[in-house]
Protein backbone atom coordinates (compact mmCIF):
# COMPACT_ATOMS: atom_id res chain seq x y z
CA MET A 1 39.68 303.11 152.98
CA SER A 2 40.71 306.57 152.70
CA ALA A 3 43.32 306.21 155.44
CA GLN A 4 45.02 303.37 153.60
CA LYS A 5 44.98 305.58 150.43
CA GLU A 6 46.60 308.42 152.29
CA GLU A 7 49.21 305.96 153.98
CA SER A 8 50.07 304.53 150.42
CA GLU A 9 50.47 308.11 149.02
CA ASP A 10 52.81 309.08 152.01
CA LYS A 11 54.88 306.01 151.33
CA GLY A 12 54.95 306.92 147.59
CA SER A 13 55.94 310.45 148.14
CA SER A 14 58.56 309.42 150.79
CA PHE A 15 60.03 306.93 148.09
CA GLU A 16 60.10 309.67 145.58
CA THR A 17 61.80 312.07 147.91
CA MET A 18 64.25 309.30 148.98
CA MET A 19 65.15 308.48 145.37
CA LEU A 20 65.13 311.98 143.93
CA PRO A 21 68.79 312.82 144.84
CA TYR A 22 69.96 309.60 143.29
CA VAL A 23 68.11 310.05 140.10
CA GLN A 24 69.29 313.68 139.82
CA HIS A 25 72.91 312.54 140.42
CA ALA A 26 72.41 309.83 137.64
CA LEU A 27 70.91 312.34 135.19
CA GLU A 28 73.93 314.78 135.82
CA ALA A 29 76.38 311.93 135.35
CA ALA A 30 74.77 311.02 132.06
CA LYS A 31 74.88 314.67 130.83
CA ASN A 32 78.67 314.90 131.86
CA GLY A 33 79.28 311.61 130.07
CA ALA A 34 77.55 312.68 126.88
CA GLN A 35 79.51 315.97 127.03
CA PHE A 36 82.75 314.10 127.40
CA VAL A 37 81.86 311.83 124.51
CA PHE A 38 81.17 314.89 122.24
CA GLU A 39 84.45 316.49 123.20
CA GLU A 40 86.61 313.45 122.92
CA ALA A 41 85.05 311.55 119.87
CA PRO A 42 87.01 313.48 117.13
CA ASP A 43 90.28 312.65 119.04
CA VAL A 44 89.42 308.96 119.45
CA ILE A 45 88.30 308.79 115.84
CA ARG A 46 91.42 310.31 114.62
CA GLN A 47 93.55 307.87 116.78
CA TYR A 48 91.75 304.96 115.43
CA VAL A 49 92.23 305.98 111.86
CA MET A 50 95.96 306.48 112.53
CA PHE A 51 96.19 303.01 114.13
CA GLU A 52 94.37 301.41 111.33
CA ALA A 53 96.64 303.11 108.74
CA VAL A 54 99.81 301.97 110.61
CA ARG A 55 98.50 298.53 110.97
CA ARG A 56 97.50 298.11 107.20
CA TRP A 57 100.75 299.74 105.97
CA ALA A 58 102.75 297.35 108.17
CA GLY A 59 100.97 294.42 106.64
CA VAL A 60 101.81 295.89 103.10
CA ILE A 61 105.39 296.56 104.01
CA THR A 62 105.76 293.08 105.35
CA GLY A 63 104.32 291.48 102.39
CA LEU A 64 106.59 293.47 99.90
CA LEU A 65 109.60 292.52 102.02
CA LEU A 66 108.81 288.74 101.97
CA ILE A 67 108.20 289.05 98.15
CA LEU A 68 111.58 290.94 97.83
CA PHE A 69 113.33 288.19 99.93
CA GLY A 70 111.94 285.65 97.47
CA ILE A 71 113.23 287.69 94.40
CA VAL A 72 116.59 288.31 95.80
CA PHE A 73 117.15 284.83 96.91
CA ILE A 74 115.89 282.88 93.65
CA PRO A 75 119.03 283.74 91.78
CA ASN A 76 120.97 282.37 94.85
CA MET A 77 118.97 279.04 94.50
CA VAL A 78 120.20 278.75 90.79
CA THR A 79 123.74 279.47 91.80
CA TYR A 80 123.50 277.04 94.74
CA LYS A 81 122.02 274.32 92.60
CA LYS A 82 124.92 274.85 89.92
CA LYS A 83 127.65 274.40 92.48
CA PRO A 84 129.30 270.95 92.49
CA GLU A 85 128.54 268.65 95.42
CA ASP A 86 131.98 268.91 96.92
CA SER A 87 132.38 272.64 96.55
CA GLN A 88 133.37 274.70 99.50
CA TYR A 89 130.21 276.77 99.14
CA LYS A 90 127.92 273.76 99.80
CA LYS A 91 130.13 272.52 102.57
CA VAL A 92 130.00 275.83 104.37
CA MET A 93 126.34 276.37 103.62
CA GLY A 94 125.42 272.93 104.77
CA ARG A 95 127.38 273.10 107.89
CA TRP A 96 125.57 276.57 108.62
CA LEU A 97 122.18 275.29 107.91
CA ARG A 98 122.48 271.75 109.28
CA GLY A 99 125.61 271.39 111.18
CA ASN A 100 128.44 269.04 110.36
CA ASP A 101 126.15 266.11 109.38
CA TYR A 102 124.16 267.64 106.63
CA ASP A 103 122.25 266.42 103.67
CA VAL A 104 122.48 268.65 100.61
CA MET A 105 119.01 267.54 99.26
CA LEU A 106 117.33 268.49 102.51
CA ASP A 107 119.13 271.89 102.44
CA GLU A 108 117.64 272.56 98.87
CA VAL A 109 114.21 271.43 99.90
CA ILE A 110 114.35 273.67 102.85
CA TYR A 111 115.66 276.50 100.81
CA TYR A 112 112.91 276.10 98.04
CA VAL A 113 110.22 275.92 100.76
CA ALA A 114 111.34 278.88 102.61
CA ILE A 115 111.72 281.07 99.54
CA PHE A 116 108.45 280.12 97.86
CA ALA A 117 106.41 280.00 101.13
CA GLY A 118 107.73 283.44 101.85
CA GLY A 119 107.03 284.75 98.51
CA ILE A 120 103.32 283.34 98.60
CA LEU A 121 102.87 284.53 102.09
CA GLY A 122 104.11 287.97 101.23
CA PHE A 123 101.87 288.17 98.05
CA ILE A 124 98.75 287.23 100.30
CA LEU A 125 99.67 289.68 102.91
CA PHE A 126 100.19 292.46 100.26
CA CYS A 127 96.86 291.56 98.68
CA ILE A 128 94.92 291.52 102.04
CA HIS A 129 96.22 294.79 103.20
CA ILE A 130 96.78 297.11 100.22
CA MET A 131 93.18 298.21 99.56
CA PRO A 132 92.25 299.00 103.25
CA ALA A 133 95.68 300.79 103.47
CA ILE A 134 94.93 302.94 100.57
CA LYS A 135 91.47 303.45 101.84
CA VAL A 136 92.41 304.45 105.38
CA THR A 137 95.17 306.71 104.19
CA PHE A 138 93.36 308.63 101.33
CA PHE A 139 89.56 308.13 102.25
CA PRO A 140 89.34 307.89 106.04
CA LYS A 141 85.65 309.01 106.17
CA LEU A 142 84.75 306.02 103.76
CA TYR A 143 86.83 303.71 105.72
CA LEU A 144 85.00 304.78 108.98
CA VAL A 145 81.59 304.29 107.36
CA GLU A 146 82.49 300.98 106.14
CA THR A 147 83.82 299.81 109.49
CA PHE A 148 80.81 301.11 111.23
CA ILE A 149 78.54 299.38 108.78
CA HIS A 150 80.57 296.12 109.16
CA LEU A 151 80.26 296.47 112.90
CA ILE A 152 76.37 296.97 112.98
CA LYS A 153 75.96 293.79 110.73
């Protein structure tokens, strides 16, 4: 029995000696990885905050442009509607919008839908992006904490 015990201890110690270089290499790699994370984490966080700021402000600007597009073209809708049917303006606009064979009513519907849908979409984009844009620009630590908590949930 003692011979079997001795033999199993030799096998155990030979396994340990065989695995020891691999374990040491893995521990060294883990230490280097942790050091890399500690060195690079501030830069990565700064880049993430800048990306979020650009993304959110782009949404705000797009929303404002769509709203502005609606505001600028609403007076044109009134002018377009007041023009007589056979006016040169409607003929030119109709050909530009629909080609030679055009329907004025369809043009007006397309015009109204485009303006109002753009304005509504712009308002929605503005509302979605304005608070996070302000938060990421002026309170980046708060934004990071909220993002971290949201990702943990």
